[in-house]
Amino acid sequence: MNKVPDAPPKLPLQTDDAGELDAFRGMIDAAQRIVVFTGAGISTESGIPDFRSPGTGLWNKIKPIEFQEFLASEERRQESWRRRFGSADSNWSNAKPNRGHLAVARLVEDGRACAVITQNVDNLHQDSGVPADRVIELHGNNSFAKCLACETRYELADLKHQFETLGRVEPCGRCGGIIKSATISFGQSMPEAEMAEAQRVTIECDMFIVIGSSLVVYPAAGFPELAKRLGARLVIVNREPTPLDDIADLVLHREIGPTMGYVVGIN
């Protein structure tokens, strides 16, 4: 198994806690089965805003459409598509993986990380090179849509063309069901298969790395707690404190891209 390089090529923005960074690298070097858990913080460095930050989070600017509203109201369904194709959301497709994503991909490529559990819906882990079957998406994926009844996949470019032409997104052409972006909305059940797989890899890991998550959303935030309880080392890399900092083996309140790039050894 490849080792993390001893001399990473690019230093982080801060150097006053280099000892902690070296300790982090040592933990990675000793681990056999790492699970990486990511939240919105890893993608803000790619220009994707998070949802909860005071004053800047998306949910402070516009009230989300809840799942039951989406199901019950044709008007609300079309409003969701108007937002999708006419707002800042439409610019997400231009986002590229940053150094943090590439560092996670390197951990997977080197065989150190067995899975990436993510709360993000931006597809940037897959775009960075992580195989899709190694990414466990707890909140779905915003890069495509599907029928809620028959699960037929629809590409957003096709739906956008339909919306711009007809002023609406039509029902599923195969079964007449409701088409929705492949994300988990407020009020929608968490995906059972993904939750079960996330629990399985968490139970089996010997190191659990949290990157860019506030760890306030459950049941997702229960996975690092479970890993720690079962004896895995827990490392949290997040700009702000989290409720689980007190139980972690190491906490780094730092910029994610420079930190992960330094630790893994990539520019």
C-alpha atoms as a PDB file:
ATOM      1  CA  MET A   1       0.000   0.000   0.000  1.00  0.00           C
ATOM      2  CA  ASN A   2       1.369   3.415  -0.919  1.00  0.00           C
ATOM      3  CA  LYS A   3       2.529   5.692   1.863  1.00  0.00           C
ATOM      4  CA  VAL A   4       1.675   9.354   2.268  1.00  0.00           C
ATOM      5  CA  PRO A   5       4.751  11.294   1.069  1.00  0.00           C
ATOM      6  CA  ASP A   6       7.119  12.457   3.819  1.00  0.00           C
ATOM      7  CA  ALA A   7       7.664  15.844   2.154  1.00  0.00           C
ATOM      8  CA  PRO A   8       4.408  17.308   0.862  1.00  0.00           C
ATOM      9  CA  PRO A   9       5.057  19.896  -1.830  1.00  0.00           C
ATOM     10  CA  LYS A  10       2.925  22.754  -0.602  1.00  0.00           C
ATOM     11  CA  LEU A  11       2.642  24.119   2.918  1.00  0.00           C
ATOM     12  CA  PRO A  12      -0.724  25.060   4.439  1.00  0.00           C
ATOM     13  CA  LEU A  13      -1.651  28.669   5.023  1.00  0.00           C
ATOM     14  CA  GLN A  14      -0.877  28.353   8.732  1.00  0.00           C
ATOM     15  CA  THR A  15       2.296  26.799  10.114  1.00  0.00           C
ATOM     16  CA  ASP A  16       1.934  27.372  13.848  1.00  0.00           C
ATOM     17  CA  ASP A  17       0.401  23.936  14.380  1.00  0.00           C
ATOM     18  CA  ALA A  18       2.547  21.876  12.004  1.00  0.00           C
ATOM     19  CA  GLY A  19       2.876  19.302  14.769  1.00  0.00           C
ATOM     20  CA  GLU A  20      -0.848  18.623  14.611  1.00  0.00           C
ATOM     21  CA  LEU A  21      -0.700  18.277  10.840  1.00  0.00           C
ATOM     22  CA  ASP A  22       2.143  15.798  11.130  1.00  0.00           C
ATOM     23  CA  ALA A  23       0.154  13.904  13.757  1.00  0.00           C
ATOM     24  CA  PHE A  24      -2.769  13.759  11.310  1.00  0.00           C
ATOM     25  CA  ARG A  25      -0.493  12.394   8.609  1.00  0.00           C
ATOM     26  CA  GLY A  26       0.794   9.805  11.037  1.00  0.00           C
ATOM     27  CA  MET A  27      -2.733   8.649  11.847  1.00  0.00           C
ATOM     28  CA  ILE A  28      -3.490   8.266   8.142  1.00  0.00           C
ATOM     29  CA  ASP A  29      -0.260   6.373   7.637  1.00  0.00           C
ATOM     30  CA  ALA A  30      -1.164   3.932  10.423  1.00  0.00           C
ATOM     31  CA  ALA A  31      -4.787   3.398   9.397  1.00  0.00           C
ATOM     32  CA  GLN A  32      -5.928   0.403   7.384  1.00  0.00           C
ATOM     33  CA  ARG A  33      -9.532   1.329   6.623  1.00  0.00           C
ATOM     34  CA  ILE A  34     -10.462   5.017   6.559  1.00  0.00           C
ATOM     35  CA  VAL A  35     -13.942   6.437   6.089  1.00  0.00           C
ATOM     36  CA  VAL A  36     -14.170  10.078   4.994  1.00  0.00           C
ATOM     37  CA  PHE A  37     -17.308  12.036   5.880  1.00  0.00           C
ATOM     38  CA  THR A  38     -17.835  15.355   4.088  1.00  0.00           C
ATOM     39  CA  GLY A  39     -20.191  18.294   4.434  1.00  0.00           C
ATOM     40  CA  ALA A  40     -20.777  21.600   2.690  1.00  0.00           C
ATOM     41  CA  GLY A  41     -17.519  23.086   3.969  1.00  0.00           C
ATOM     42  CA  ILE A  42     -15.400  21.087   1.554  1.00  0.00           C
ATOM     43  CA  SER A  43     -17.291  22.531  -1.426  1.00  0.00           C
ATOM     44  CA  THR A  44     -17.415  26.195  -0.429  1.00  0.00           C
ATOM     45  CA  GLU A  45     -13.826  26.450  -1.674  1.00  0.00           C
ATOM     46  CA  SER A  46     -15.214  25.451  -5.096  1.00  0.00           C
ATOM     47  CA  GLY A  47     -17.641  28.382  -4.992  1.00  0.00           C
ATOM     48  CA  ILE A  48     -20.713  26.436  -3.855  1.00  0.00           C
ATOM     49  CA  PRO A  49     -22.437  28.236  -0.954  1.00  0.00           C
ATOM     50  CA  ASP A  50     -23.462  26.285   2.099  1.00  0.00           C
ATOM     51  CA  PHE A  51     -26.972  26.207   3.490  1.00  0.00           C
ATOM     52  CA  ARG A  52     -26.765  27.275   7.116  1.00  0.00           C
ATOM     53  CA  SER A  53     -24.158  30.014   7.581  1.00  0.00           C
ATOM     54  CA  PRO A  54     -25.751  33.111   9.173  1.00  0.00           C
ATOM     55  CA  GLY A  55     -26.423  35.741   6.540  1.00  0.00           C
ATOM     56  CA  THR A  56     -24.849  33.837   3.651  1.00  0.00           C
ATOM     57  CA  GLY A  57     -26.438  30.394   3.734  1.00  0.00           C
ATOM     58  CA  LEU A  58     -28.929  29.619   0.964  1.00  0.00           C
ATOM     59  CA  TRP A  59     -31.690  28.852   3.449  1.00  0.00           C
ATOM     60  CA  ASN A  60     -31.370  32.363   4.864  1.00  0.00           C
ATOM     61  CA  LYS A  61     -32.161  33.791   1.442  1.00  0.00           C
ATOM     62  CA  ILE A  62     -34.977  31.566   0.232  1.00  0.00           C
ATOM     63  CA  LYS A  63     -37.328  29.179   1.993  1.00  0.00           C
ATOM     64  CA  PRO A  64     -36.870  25.620   0.740  1.00  0.00           C
ATOM     65  CA  ILE A  65     -39.826  23.797  -0.780  1.00  0.00           C
ATOM     66  CA  GLU A  66     -40.651  20.822   1.413  1.00  0.00           C
ATOM     67  CA  PHE A  67     -41.224  17.387  -0.054  1.00  0.00           C
ATOM     68  CA  GLN A  68     -44.927  17.209   0.793  1.00  0.00           C
ATOM     69  CA  GLU A  69     -45.466  20.618  -0.830  1.00  0.00           C
ATOM     70  CA  PHE A  70     -43.686  19.382  -3.942  1.00  0.00           C
ATOM     71  CA  LEU A  71     -45.895  16.301  -4.134  1.00  0.00           C
ATOM     72  CA  ALA A  72     -49.172  18.099  -3.425  1.00  0.00           C
ATOM     73  CA  SER A  73     -48.868  21.195  -5.592  1.00  0.00           C
ATOM     74  CA  GLU A  74     -48.165  21.460  -9.305  1.00  0.00           C
ATOM     75  CA  GLU A  75     -47.477  25.152  -8.751  1.00  0.00           C
ATOM     76  CA  ARG A  76     -44.807  24.394  -6.146  1.00  0.00           C
ATOM     77  CA  ARG A  77     -43.237  21.759  -8.389  1.00  0.00           C
ATOM     78  CA  GLN A  78     -42.855  24.231 -11.217  1.00  0.00           C
ATOM     79  CA  GLU A  79     -41.566  26.842  -8.761  1.00  0.00           C
ATOM     80  CA  SER A  80     -38.838  24.392  -7.735  1.00  0.00           C
ATOM     81  CA  TRP A  81     -37.815  24.010 -11.377  1.00  0.00           C
ATOM     82  CA  ARG A  82     -37.878  27.770 -11.883  1.00  0.00           C
ATOM     83  CA  ARG A  83     -35.466  28.096  -8.971  1.00  0.00           C
ATOM     84  CA  ARG A  84     -33.337  25.272 -10.317  1.00  0.00           C
ATOM     85  CA  PHE A  85     -32.968  26.689 -13.801  1.00  0.00           C
ATOM     86  CA  GLY A  86     -33.138  30.405 -13.082  1.00  0.00           C
ATOM     87  CA  SER A  87     -31.144  30.900  -9.879  1.00  0.00           C
ATOM     88  CA  ALA A  88     -27.635  30.494  -8.533  1.00  0.00           C
ATOM     89  CA  ASP A  89     -28.255  26.752  -8.388  1.00  0.00           C
ATOM     90  CA  SER A  90     -27.866  26.647 -12.157  1.00  0.00           C
ATOM     91  CA  ASN A  91     -24.243  27.775 -11.766  1.00  0.00           C
ATOM     92  CA  TRP A  92     -23.314  24.761  -9.654  1.00  0.00           C
ATOM     93  CA  SER A  93     -22.601  22.824 -12.832  1.00  0.00           C
ATOM     94  CA  ASN A  94     -19.588  25.097 -13.365  1.00  0.00           C
ATOM     95  CA  ALA A  95     -18.026  24.184 -10.014  1.00  0.00           C
ATOM     96  CA  LYS A  96     -14.828  22.140 -10.092  1.00  0.00           C
ATOM     97  CA  PRO A  97     -13.262  19.925  -7.422  1.00  0.00           C
ATOM     98  CA  ASN A  98     -10.798  21.764  -5.222  1.00  0.00           C
ATOM     99  CA  ARG A  99      -7.691  20.602  -3.391  1.00  0.00           C
ATOM    100  CA  GLY A 100      -9.776  19.095  -0.602  1.00  0.00           C
ATOM    101  CA  HIS A 101     -11.727  16.906  -3.017  1.00  0.00           C
ATOM    102  CA  LEU A 102      -8.523  15.872  -4.779  1.00  0.00           C
ATOM    103  CA  ALA A 103      -6.941  14.919  -1.459  1.00  0.00           C
ATOM    104  CA  VAL A 104      -9.901  12.703  -0.618  1.00  0.00           C
ATOM    105  CA  ALA A 105      -9.682  11.130  -4.077  1.00  0.00           C
ATOM    106  CA  ARG A 106      -6.003  10.396  -3.464  1.00  0.00           C
ATOM    107  CA  LEU A 107      -6.826   8.608  -0.216  1.00  0.00           C
ATOM    108  CA  VAL A 108      -9.303   6.431  -2.096  1.00  0.00           C
ATOM    109  CA  GLU A 109      -6.926   5.852  -4.997  1.00  0.00           C
ATOM    110  CA  ASP A 110      -4.124   4.805  -2.640  1.00  0.00           C
ATOM    111  CA  GLY A 111      -6.395   2.276  -0.977  1.00  0.00           C
ATOM    112  CA  ARG A 112      -6.448   4.024   2.380  1.00  0.00           C
ATOM    113  CA  ALA A 113     -10.043   5.276   2.271  1.00  0.00           C
ATOM    114  CA  CYS A 114     -12.644   2.620   1.586  1.00  0.00           C
ATOM    115  CA  ALA A 115     -15.613   4.979   1.303  1.00  0.00           C
ATOM    116  CA  VAL A 116     -16.682   8.605   1.219  1.00  0.00           C
ATOM    117  CA  ILE A 117     -19.920   9.387   3.041  1.00  0.00           C
ATOM    118  CA  THR A 118     -21.156  12.798   1.947  1.00  0.00           C
ATOM    119  CA  GLN A 119     -23.948  15.166   2.880  1.00  0.00           C
ATOM    120  CA  ASN A 120     -23.260  17.084  -0.341  1.00  0.00           C
ATOM    121  CA  VAL A 121     -25.284  16.824  -3.533  1.00  0.00           C
ATOM    122  CA  ASP A 122     -22.803  18.466  -5.928  1.00  0.00           C
ATOM    123  CA  ASN A 123     -21.157  15.355  -7.476  1.00  0.00           C
ATOM    124  CA  LEU A 124     -17.700  16.862  -6.887  1.00  0.00           C
ATOM    125  CA  HIS A 125     -16.293  13.720  -5.277  1.00  0.00           C
ATOM    126  CA  GLN A 126     -17.107  11.745  -8.418  1.00  0.00           C
ATOM    127  CA  ASP A 127     -15.747  14.593 -10.568  1.00  0.00           C
ATOM    128  CA  SER A 128     -12.482  14.461  -8.588  1.00  0.00           C
ATOM    129  CA  GLY A 129     -11.979  10.806  -9.470  1.00  0.00           C
ATOM    130  CA  VAL A 130     -13.623   8.888  -6.639  1.00  0.00           C
ATOM    131  CA  PRO A 131     -15.481   5.911  -8.162  1.00  0.00           C
ATOM    132  CA  ALA A 132     -19.236   6.331  -7.856  1.00  0.00           C
ATOM    133  CA  ASP A 133     -19.563   3.071  -5.954  1.00  0.00           C
ATOM    134  CA  ARG A 134     -17.274   4.454  -3.238  1.00  0.00           C
ATOM    135  CA  VAL A 135     -19.409   7.587  -2.691  1.00  0.00           C
ATOM    136  CA  ILE A 136     -22.362   7.212  -0.318  1.00  0.00           C
ATOM    137  CA  GLU A 137     -24.702  10.155  -0.896  1.00  0.00           C
ATOM    138  CA  LEU A 138     -26.927  10.662   2.142  1.00  0.00           C
ATOM    139  CA  HIS A 139     -28.771  13.625   0.625  1.00  0.00           C
ATOM    140  CA  GLY A 140     -28.862  12.536  -2.994  1.00  0.00           C
ATOM    141  CA  ASN A 141     -27.362  14.166  -6.070  1.00  0.00           C
ATOM    142  CA  ASN A 142     -28.204  17.505  -7.677  1.00  0.00           C
ATOM    143  CA  SER A 143     -26.652  16.725 -11.065  1.00  0.00           C
ATOM    144  CA  PHE A 144     -29.600  14.760 -12.457  1.00  0.00           C
ATOM    145  CA  ALA A 145     -33.300  14.079 -11.840  1.00  0.00           C
ATOM    146  CA  LYS A 146     -35.470  11.000 -11.691  1.00  0.00           C
ATOM    147  CA  CYS A 147     -39.089   9.925 -11.650  1.00  0.00           C
ATOM    148  CA  LEU A 148     -40.327   9.357  -8.118  1.00  0.00           C
ATOM    149  CA  ALA A 149     -42.488   6.446  -9.295  1.00  0.00           C
ATOM    150  CA  CYS A 150     -40.407   4.389 -11.765  1.00  0.00           C
ATOM    151  CA  GLU A 151     -36.976   5.952 -11.047  1.00  0.00           C
ATOM    152  CA  THR A 152     -36.257   6.692 -14.704  1.00  0.00           C
ATOM    153  CA  ARG A 153     -33.254   9.023 -14.852  1.00  0.00           C
ATOM    154  CA  TYR A 154     -33.556  12.416 -16.562  1.00  0.00           C
ATOM    155  CA  GLU A 155     -30.662  14.686 -17.490  1.00  0.00           C
ATOM    156  CA  LEU A 156     -31.008  18.265 -16.311  1.00  0.00           C
ATOM    157  CA  ALA A 157     -30.010  19.722 -19.678  1.00  0.00           C
ATOM    158  CA  ASP A 158     -33.020  18.015 -21.266  1.00  0.00           C
ATOM    159  CA  LEU A 159     -35.365  19.181 -18.520  1.00  0.00           C
ATOM    160  CA  LYS A 160     -34.027  22.726 -18.746  1.00  0.00           C
ATOM    161  CA  HIS A 161     -34.719  22.779 -22.487  1.00  0.00           C
ATOM    162  CA  GLN A 162     -38.240  21.511 -21.822  1.00  0.00           C
ATOM    163  CA  PHE A 163     -38.800  24.123 -19.122  1.00  0.00           C
ATOM    164  CA  GLU A 164     -37.548  26.963 -21.311  1.00  0.00           C
ATOM    165  CA  THR A 165     -39.666  25.749 -24.227  1.00  0.00           C
ATOM    166  CA  LEU A 166     -42.918  24.884 -22.432  1.00  0.00           C
ATOM    167  CA  GLY A 167     -42.573  26.891 -19.221  1.00  0.00           C
ATOM    168  CA  ARG A 168     -42.867  23.694 -17.192  1.00  0.00           C
ATOM    169  CA  VAL A 169     -41.373  20.243 -16.596  1.00  0.00           C
ATOM    170  CA  GLU A 170     -43.787  17.589 -17.797  1.00  0.00           C
ATOM    171  CA  PRO A 171     -44.554  14.332 -15.957  1.00  0.00           C
ATOM    172  CA  CYS A 172     -42.456  11.241 -16.617  1.00  0.00           C
ATOM    173  CA  GLY A 173     -42.730  10.097 -20.225  1.00  0.00           C
ATOM    174  CA  ARG A 174     -42.586   6.474 -19.192  1.00  0.00           C
ATOM    175  CA  CYS A 175     -45.146   6.245 -16.386  1.00  0.00           C
ATOM    176  CA  GLY A 176     -46.638   9.727 -15.867  1.00  0.00           C
ATOM    177  CA  GLY A 177     -45.029  10.079 -12.455  1.00  0.00           C
ATOM    178  CA  ILE A 178     -43.557  13.197 -10.875  1.00  0.00           C
ATOM    179  CA  ILE A 179     -39.996  14.101 -11.877  1.00  0.00           C
ATOM    180  CA  LYS A 180     -37.782  15.564  -9.160  1.00  0.00           C
ATOM    181  CA  SER A 181     -34.112  16.372  -8.798  1.00  0.00           C
ATOM    182  CA  ALA A 182     -32.345  13.368  -7.280  1.00  0.00           C
ATOM    183  CA  THR A 183     -31.845  15.086  -3.946  1.00  0.00           C
ATOM    184  CA  ILE A 184     -33.394  14.502  -0.544  1.00  0.00           C
ATOM    185  CA  SER A 185     -35.705  17.402   0.290  1.00  0.00           C
ATOM    186  CA  PHE A 186     -36.998  18.584   3.653  1.00  0.00           C
ATOM    187  CA  GLY A 187     -39.590  16.092   4.824  1.00  0.00           C
ATOM    188  CA  GLN A 188     -38.375  13.335   2.501  1.00  0.00           C
ATOM    189  CA  SER A 189     -37.191  10.053   4.005  1.00  0.00           C
ATOM    190  CA  MET A 190     -33.486   9.376   4.103  1.00  0.00           C
ATOM    191  CA  PRO A 191     -32.391   6.773   1.525  1.00  0.00           C
ATOM    192  CA  GLU A 192     -32.469   3.395   3.246  1.00  0.00           C
ATOM    193  CA  ALA A 193     -29.788   1.656   1.174  1.00  0.00           C
ATOM    194  CA  GLU A 194     -27.317   4.520   1.528  1.00  0.00           C
ATOM    195  CA  MET A 195     -27.915   4.822   5.270  1.00  0.00           C
ATOM    196  CA  ALA A 196     -27.362   1.087   5.705  1.00  0.00           C
ATOM    197  CA  GLU A 197     -24.152   1.175   3.662  1.00  0.00           C
ATOM    198  CA  ALA A 198     -22.883   4.204   5.596  1.00  0.00           C
ATOM    199  CA  GLN A 199     -23.487   2.352   8.847  1.00  0.00           C
ATOM    200  CA  ARG A 200     -21.698  -0.748   7.552  1.00  0.00           C
ATOM    201  CA  VAL A 201     -18.516   1.060   6.485  1.00  0.00           C
ATOM    202  CA  THR A 202     -18.540   3.099   9.705  1.00  0.00           C
ATOM    203  CA  ILE A 203     -18.666  -0.043  11.823  1.00  0.00           C
ATOM    204  CA  GLU A 204     -15.766  -1.571   9.874  1.00  0.00           C
ATOM    205  CA  CYS A 205     -13.429   1.462   9.787  1.00  0.00           C
ATOM    206  CA  ASP A 206     -10.432   2.123  12.033  1.00  0.00           C
ATOM    207  CA  MET A 207     -10.270   5.865  11.242  1.00  0.00           C
ATOM    208  CA  PHE A 208     -13.093   8.309  10.554  1.00  0.00           C
ATOM    209  CA  ILE A 209     -12.244  11.722   9.070  1.00  0.00           C
ATOM    210  CA  VAL A 210     -14.881  14.469   9.128  1.00  0.00           C
ATOM    211  CA  ILE A 211     -14.233  17.256   6.612  1.00  0.00           C
ATOM    212  CA  GLY A 212     -16.299  20.424   6.391  1.00  0.00           C
ATOM    213  CA  SER A 213     -19.380  19.358   8.342  1.00  0.00           C
ATOM    214  CA  SER A 214     -20.996  21.234  11.210  1.00  0.00           C
ATOM    215  CA  LEU A 215     -22.186  17.852  12.564  1.00  0.00           C
ATOM    216  CA  VAL A 216     -25.563  19.197  13.630  1.00  0.00           C
ATOM    217  CA  VAL A 217     -27.775  17.236  11.216  1.00  0.00           C
ATOM    218  CA  TYR A 218     -28.930  13.827  12.399  1.00  0.00           C
ATOM    219  CA  PRO A 219     -29.009  10.958  11.698  1.00  0.00           C
ATOM    220  CA  ALA A 220     -25.937  11.712   9.552  1.00  0.00           C
ATOM    221  CA  ALA A 221     -23.951  13.179  12.446  1.00  0.00           C
ATOM    222  CA  GLY A 222     -24.426   9.908  14.304  1.00  0.00           C
ATOM    223  CA  PHE A 223     -21.884   8.130  12.100  1.00  0.00           C
ATOM    224  CA  PRO A 224     -18.745   9.772  13.569  1.00  0.00           C
ATOM    225  CA  GLU A 225     -20.148   9.151  17.049  1.00  0.00           C
ATOM    226  CA  LEU A 226     -20.618   5.481  16.175  1.00  0.00           C
ATOM    227  CA  ALA A 227     -17.122   5.164  14.747  1.00  0.00           C
ATOM    228  CA  LYS A 228     -15.560   6.667  17.865  1.00  0.00           C
ATOM    229  CA  ARG A 229     -17.654   4.499  20.162  1.00  0.00           C
ATOM    230  CA  LEU A 230     -16.444   1.388  18.344  1.00  0.00           C
ATOM    231  CA  GLY A 231     -12.794   2.355  18.741  1.00  0.00           C
ATOM    232  CA  ALA A 232     -11.916   4.151  15.488  1.00  0.00           C
ATOM    233  CA  ARG A 233      -9.780   7.273  15.586  1.00  0.00           C
ATOM    234  CA  LEU A 234     -11.838  10.391  14.893  1.00  0.00           C
ATOM    235  CA  VAL A 235     -10.381  13.488  13.206  1.00  0.00           C
ATOM    236  CA  ILE A 236     -12.443  16.601  12.476  1.00  0.00           C
ATOM    237  CA  VAL A 237     -11.302  19.209   9.948  1.00  0.00           C
ATOM    238  CA  ASN A 238     -13.725  22.142   9.942  1.00  0.00           C
ATOM    239  CA  ARG A 239     -13.380  25.902  10.063  1.00  0.00           C
ATOM    240  CA  GLU A 240     -15.780  26.237  12.992  1.00  0.00           C
ATOM    241  CA  PRO A 241     -16.191  24.183  16.181  1.00  0.00           C
ATOM    242  CA  THR A 242     -18.599  21.250  16.084  1.00  0.00           C
ATOM    243  CA  PRO A 243     -20.598  19.498  18.824  1.00  0.00           C
ATOM    244  CA  LEU A 244     -18.304  16.455  18.513  1.00  0.00           C
ATOM    245  CA  ASP A 245     -14.971  18.250  18.942  1.00  0.00           C
ATOM    246  CA  ASP A 246     -14.726  17.065  22.549  1.00  0.00           C
ATOM    247  CA  ILE A 247     -14.727  13.378  21.628  1.00  0.00           C
ATOM    248  CA  ALA A 248     -12.378  13.629  18.629  1.00  0.00           C
ATOM    249  CA  ASP A 249      -8.761  12.465  18.731  1.00  0.00           C
ATOM    250  CA  LEU A 250      -7.732  15.505  16.716  1.00  0.00           C
ATOM    251  CA  VAL A 251      -9.555  18.698  15.715  1.00  0.00           C
ATOM    252  CA  LEU A 252      -8.237  21.146  13.121  1.00  0.00           C
ATOM    253  CA  HIS A 253     -10.096  24.427  12.685  1.00  0.00           C
ATOM    254  CA  ARG A 254      -8.487  25.311   9.379  1.00  0.00           C
ATOM    255  CA  GLU A 255      -9.043  25.896   5.673  1.00  0.00           C
ATOM    256  CA  ILE A 256      -9.830  22.503   4.191  1.00  0.00           C
ATOM    257  CA  GLY A 257      -8.059  22.502   0.822  1.00  0.00           C
ATOM    258  CA  PRO A 258      -4.621  23.598   2.096  1.00  0.00           C
ATOM    259  CA  THR A 259      -4.886  21.325   5.140  1.00  0.00           C
ATOM    260  CA  MET A 260      -5.910  18.171   3.312  1.00  0.00           C
ATOM    261  CA  GLY A 261      -3.524  18.875   0.437  1.00  0.00           C
ATOM    262  CA  TYR A 262      -0.597  19.195   2.849  1.00  0.00           C
ATOM    263  CA  VAL A 263      -1.529  16.085   4.832  1.00  0.00           C
ATOM    264  CA  VAL A 264      -2.054  13.883   1.783  1.00  0.00           C
ATOM    265  CA  GLY A 265       0.786  15.416  -0.187  1.00  0.00           C
ATOM    266  CA  ILE A 266      -0.723  17.041  -3.272  1.00  0.00           C
ATOM    267  CA  ASN A 267      -0.596  20.529  -4.774  1.00  0.00           C
END
